[in-house]
Amino acid sequence: MGAKVGGKKKGPMAEINVTPLVDVVLVLLIIFMVVTPMLSSGVDVKLPKAKTAQEEKDMGQNLVIGVKGDGSVYVDKKLVTLDTLVAEIDTVRANRSLVLKGDKVAKYGQVREVIDIIHEKIPGTDTMLLATEKLKTEGEK
């Protein structure tokens, strides 16, 4: 931090040094740019596209169940089997909504089996969110 001495008053002049402020803001910007993509929940899957999809940001408020194309099932980012699926959901759910991410190349039967297991074994799961990507129309980029 610097102060300017001199001028007609022969004393220190109070001026704000903006350089440290700009340095701090740029570092924070870089940190947020790096961290923001990591905030999405669950395992990464290629989502199917839908015309009626509504965009909603997931900041960890939902419990994500992912079904990959090879049939593997994940609760958040933890690989589970169909036998341990319910126990894992009960362990980490904590009154969060369930979001199902089905891989674009996953077979319908694989995803439906996960839905059926959750619906049968976990009371109060009549509603489940399905994650899709919004299908872009010709006017959108």
C-alpha atoms as a PDB file:
ATOM      1  CA  MET A   1       0.000   0.000   0.000  1.00  0.00           C
ATOM      2  CA  GLY A   2       1.406   3.344  -0.911  1.00  0.00           C
ATOM      3  CA  ALA A   3       0.890   6.926   0.107  1.00  0.00           C
ATOM      4  CA  LYS A   4       1.834   9.992  -1.842  1.00  0.00           C
ATOM      5  CA  VAL A   5       3.900  12.612  -0.033  1.00  0.00           C
ATOM      6  CA  GLY A   6       4.240  16.106  -1.321  1.00  0.00           C
ATOM      7  CA  GLY A   7       2.084  18.696  -2.905  1.00  0.00           C
ATOM      8  CA  LYS A   8       1.358  22.135  -1.509  1.00  0.00           C
ATOM      9  CA  LYS A   9       0.196  20.900   1.905  1.00  0.00           C
ATOM     10  CA  LYS A  10       3.479  19.079   2.648  1.00  0.00           C
ATOM     11  CA  GLY A  11       1.746  16.056   4.207  1.00  0.00           C
ATOM     12  CA  PRO A  12       0.505  12.613   3.255  1.00  0.00           C
ATOM     13  CA  MET A  13      -2.278  12.569   0.682  1.00  0.00           C
ATOM     14  CA  ALA A  14      -4.965   9.923   1.091  1.00  0.00           C
ATOM     15  CA  GLU A  15      -5.511   8.203  -2.253  1.00  0.00           C
ATOM     16  CA  ILE A  16      -6.921   4.765  -2.782  1.00  0.00           C
ATOM     17  CA  ASN A  17      -4.517   2.348  -4.423  1.00  0.00           C
ATOM     18  CA  VAL A  18      -6.744   0.354  -6.776  1.00  0.00           C
ATOM     19  CA  THR A  19      -4.155  -2.187  -7.905  1.00  0.00           C
ATOM     20  CA  PRO A  20      -4.502  -4.585  -4.919  1.00  0.00           C
ATOM     21  CA  LEU A  21      -8.295  -4.424  -5.228  1.00  0.00           C
ATOM     22  CA  VAL A  22      -8.145  -5.351  -8.915  1.00  0.00           C
ATOM     23  CA  ASP A  23      -5.734  -8.205  -8.119  1.00  0.00           C
ATOM     24  CA  VAL A  24      -8.078  -9.653  -5.502  1.00  0.00           C
ATOM     25  CA  VAL A  25     -11.150  -9.346  -7.754  1.00  0.00           C
ATOM     26  CA  LEU A  26      -9.365 -11.074 -10.646  1.00  0.00           C
ATOM     27  CA  VAL A  27      -8.219 -13.936  -8.403  1.00  0.00           C
ATOM     28  CA  LEU A  28     -11.785 -14.372  -7.095  1.00  0.00           C
ATOM     29  CA  LEU A  29     -13.128 -14.364 -10.649  1.00  0.00           C
ATOM     30  CA  ILE A  30     -10.691 -17.089 -11.672  1.00  0.00           C
ATOM     31  CA  ILE A  31     -11.585 -19.162  -8.602  1.00  0.00           C
ATOM     32  CA  PHE A  32     -15.317 -18.923  -9.371  1.00  0.00           C
ATOM     33  CA  MET A  33     -14.733 -19.811 -13.023  1.00  0.00           C
ATOM     34  CA  VAL A  34     -12.851 -22.951 -12.007  1.00  0.00           C
ATOM     35  CA  VAL A  35     -15.199 -24.038  -9.199  1.00  0.00           C
ATOM     36  CA  THR A  36     -18.587 -23.388 -10.860  1.00  0.00           C
ATOM     37  CA  PRO A  37     -18.533 -26.368 -13.264  1.00  0.00           C
ATOM     38  CA  MET A  38     -17.784 -28.656 -10.313  1.00  0.00           C
ATOM     39  CA  LEU A  39     -20.970 -27.665  -8.480  1.00  0.00           C
ATOM     40  CA  SER A  40     -23.270 -29.859 -10.529  1.00  0.00           C
ATOM     41  CA  SER A  41     -24.341 -32.955  -8.677  1.00  0.00           C
ATOM     42  CA  GLY A  42     -24.145 -36.566  -9.655  1.00  0.00           C
ATOM     43  CA  VAL A  43     -22.135 -38.469 -12.179  1.00  0.00           C
ATOM     44  CA  ASP A  44     -21.718 -37.002 -15.663  1.00  0.00           C
ATOM     45  CA  VAL A  45     -23.980 -38.611 -18.239  1.00  0.00           C
ATOM     46  CA  LYS A  46     -25.045 -37.589 -21.735  1.00  0.00           C
ATOM     47  CA  LEU A  47     -28.649 -36.553 -21.175  1.00  0.00           C
ATOM     48  CA  PRO A  48     -31.382 -37.098 -23.770  1.00  0.00           C
ATOM     49  CA  LYS A  49     -32.848 -33.991 -25.387  1.00  0.00           C
ATOM     50  CA  ALA A  50     -36.474 -32.912 -24.912  1.00  0.00           C
ATOM     51  CA  LYS A  51     -38.530 -30.060 -26.337  1.00  0.00           C
ATOM     52  CA  THR A  52     -40.389 -29.424 -23.085  1.00  0.00           C
ATOM     53  CA  ALA A  53     -37.383 -29.379 -20.753  1.00  0.00           C
ATOM     54  CA  GLN A  54     -37.290 -26.586 -18.201  1.00  0.00           C
ATOM     55  CA  GLU A  55     -33.886 -25.243 -17.275  1.00  0.00           C
ATOM     56  CA  GLU A  56     -33.162 -25.425 -13.567  1.00  0.00           C
ATOM     57  CA  LYS A  57     -29.807 -25.043 -11.858  1.00  0.00           C
ATOM     58  CA  ASP A  58     -28.822 -27.820  -9.483  1.00  0.00           C
ATOM     59  CA  MET A  59     -26.705 -26.499  -6.653  1.00  0.00           C
ATOM     60  CA  GLY A  60     -26.714 -29.670  -4.575  1.00  0.00           C
ATOM     61  CA  GLN A  61     -30.270 -29.368  -3.268  1.00  0.00           C
ATOM     62  CA  ASN A  62     -31.311 -32.615  -5.028  1.00  0.00           C
ATOM     63  CA  LEU A  63     -30.106 -36.182  -4.652  1.00  0.00           C
ATOM     64  CA  VAL A  64     -29.033 -37.382  -8.090  1.00  0.00           C
ATOM     65  CA  ILE A  65     -29.365 -40.984  -9.202  1.00  0.00           C
ATOM     66  CA  GLY A  66     -27.464 -41.633 -12.437  1.00  0.00           C
ATOM     67  CA  VAL A  67     -27.893 -44.563 -14.811  1.00  0.00           C
ATOM     68  CA  LYS A  68     -25.092 -44.923 -17.348  1.00  0.00           C
ATOM     69  CA  GLY A  69     -25.321 -46.641 -20.710  1.00  0.00           C
ATOM     70  CA  ASP A  70     -23.601 -49.786 -19.440  1.00  0.00           C
ATOM     71  CA  GLY A  71     -26.275 -50.218 -16.743  1.00  0.00           C
ATOM     72  CA  SER A  72     -24.171 -48.979 -13.834  1.00  0.00           C
ATOM     73  CA  VAL A  73     -26.099 -46.990 -11.221  1.00  0.00           C
ATOM     74  CA  TYR A  74     -24.722 -44.088  -9.177  1.00  0.00           C
ATOM     75  CA  VAL A  75     -26.074 -42.256  -6.146  1.00  0.00           C
ATOM     76  CA  ASP A  76     -24.520 -38.822  -6.444  1.00  0.00           C
ATOM     77  CA  LYS A  77     -21.044 -39.940  -7.583  1.00  0.00           C
ATOM     78  CA  LYS A  78     -20.904 -43.265  -5.752  1.00  0.00           C
ATOM     79  CA  LEU A  79     -21.274 -46.473  -7.755  1.00  0.00           C
ATOM     80  CA  VAL A  80     -23.924 -48.773  -6.249  1.00  0.00           C
ATOM     81  CA  THR A  81     -25.613 -52.026  -7.204  1.00  0.00           C
ATOM     82  CA  LEU A  82     -29.366 -52.438  -7.571  1.00  0.00           C
ATOM     83  CA  ASP A  83     -29.326 -54.396  -4.278  1.00  0.00           C
ATOM     84  CA  THR A  84     -27.648 -51.572  -2.322  1.00  0.00           C
ATOM     85  CA  LEU A  85     -29.447 -48.707  -4.120  1.00  0.00           C
ATOM     86  CA  VAL A  86     -32.216 -48.252  -1.550  1.00  0.00           C
ATOM     87  CA  ALA A  87     -29.856 -48.422   1.429  1.00  0.00           C
ATOM     88  CA  GLU A  88     -27.552 -45.813  -0.115  1.00  0.00           C
ATOM     89  CA  ILE A  89     -30.445 -43.469  -0.925  1.00  0.00           C
ATOM     90  CA  ASP A  90     -31.758 -43.790   2.645  1.00  0.00           C
ATOM     91  CA  THR A  91     -28.286 -42.983   3.973  1.00  0.00           C
ATOM     92  CA  VAL A  92     -27.731 -39.752   2.046  1.00  0.00           C
ATOM     93  CA  ARG A  93     -31.208 -38.498   1.135  1.00  0.00           C
ATOM     94  CA  ALA A  94     -32.021 -36.163   4.067  1.00  0.00           C
ATOM     95  CA  ASN A  95     -35.402 -34.982   2.666  1.00  0.00           C
ATOM     96  CA  ARG A  96     -33.934 -33.966  -0.686  1.00  0.00           C
ATOM     97  CA  SER A  97     -35.825 -34.410  -3.947  1.00  0.00           C
ATOM     98  CA  LEU A  98     -34.694 -37.226  -6.204  1.00  0.00           C
ATOM     99  CA  VAL A  99     -33.421 -36.442  -9.697  1.00  0.00           C
ATOM    100  CA  LEU A 100     -32.894 -39.285 -12.131  1.00  0.00           C
ATOM    101  CA  LYS A 101     -30.250 -38.800 -14.822  1.00  0.00           C
ATOM    102  CA  GLY A 102     -30.543 -41.485 -17.460  1.00  0.00           C
ATOM    103  CA  ASP A 103     -27.759 -41.688 -20.008  1.00  0.00           C
ATOM    104  CA  LYS A 104     -28.772 -41.019 -23.596  1.00  0.00           C
ATOM    105  CA  VAL A 105     -27.588 -44.482 -24.633  1.00  0.00           C
ATOM    106  CA  ALA A 106     -29.042 -46.311 -21.622  1.00  0.00           C
ATOM    107  CA  LYS A 107     -31.819 -48.742 -22.400  1.00  0.00           C
ATOM    108  CA  TYR A 108     -35.304 -47.796 -21.214  1.00  0.00           C
ATOM    109  CA  GLY A 109     -35.552 -51.030 -19.227  1.00  0.00           C
ATOM    110  CA  GLN A 110     -32.449 -50.176 -17.169  1.00  0.00           C
ATOM    111  CA  VAL A 111     -33.798 -46.771 -16.196  1.00  0.00           C
ATOM    112  CA  ARG A 112     -37.303 -48.128 -15.557  1.00  0.00           C
ATOM    113  CA  GLU A 113     -35.913 -50.820 -13.257  1.00  0.00           C
ATOM    114  CA  VAL A 114     -34.222 -48.160 -11.100  1.00  0.00           C
ATOM    115  CA  ILE A 115     -37.457 -46.127 -10.995  1.00  0.00           C
ATOM    116  CA  ASP A 116     -39.463 -49.209  -9.985  1.00  0.00           C
ATOM    117  CA  ILE A 117     -37.037 -50.166  -7.206  1.00  0.00           C
ATOM    118  CA  ILE A 118     -37.074 -46.634  -5.764  1.00  0.00           C
ATOM    119  CA  HIS A 119     -40.863 -46.359  -6.031  1.00  0.00           C
ATOM    120  CA  GLU A 120     -41.522 -49.753  -4.405  1.00  0.00           C
ATOM    121  CA  LYS A 121     -38.976 -49.652  -1.586  1.00  0.00           C
ATOM    122  CA  ILE A 122     -38.831 -45.983  -0.533  1.00  0.00           C
ATOM    123  CA  PRO A 123     -42.082 -44.512   0.796  1.00  0.00           C
ATOM    124  CA  GLY A 124     -42.944 -40.989  -0.334  1.00  0.00           C
ATOM    125  CA  THR A 125     -41.183 -41.169  -3.692  1.00  0.00           C
ATOM    126  CA  ASP A 126     -44.258 -40.742  -5.849  1.00  0.00           C
ATOM    127  CA  THR A 127     -42.567 -37.768  -7.522  1.00  0.00           C
ATOM    128  CA  MET A 128     -39.148 -37.939  -9.118  1.00  0.00           C
ATOM    129  CA  LEU A 129     -37.506 -35.398 -11.420  1.00  0.00           C
ATOM    130  CA  LEU A 130     -36.064 -36.604 -14.720  1.00  0.00           C
ATOM    131  CA  ALA A 131     -33.052 -34.718 -16.054  1.00  0.00           C
ATOM    132  CA  THR A 132     -32.935 -33.865 -19.757  1.00  0.00           C
ATOM    133  CA  GLU A 133     -31.261 -31.307 -21.963  1.00  0.00           C
ATOM    134  CA  LYS A 134     -33.388 -28.706 -23.686  1.00  0.00           C
ATOM    135  CA  LEU A 135     -33.669 -29.322 -27.399  1.00  0.00           C
ATOM    136  CA  LYS A 136     -32.549 -26.159 -29.136  1.00  0.00           C
ATOM    137  CA  THR A 137     -34.839 -24.835 -31.827  1.00  0.00           C
ATOM    138  CA  GLU A 138     -33.642 -23.166 -35.016  1.00  0.00           C
ATOM    139  CA  GLY A 139     -33.875 -19.665 -33.509  1.00  0.00           C
ATOM    140  CA  GLU A 140     -31.739 -20.516 -30.457  1.00  0.00           C
ATOM    141  CA  LYS A 141     -27.996 -20.921 -30.409  1.00  0.00           C
END
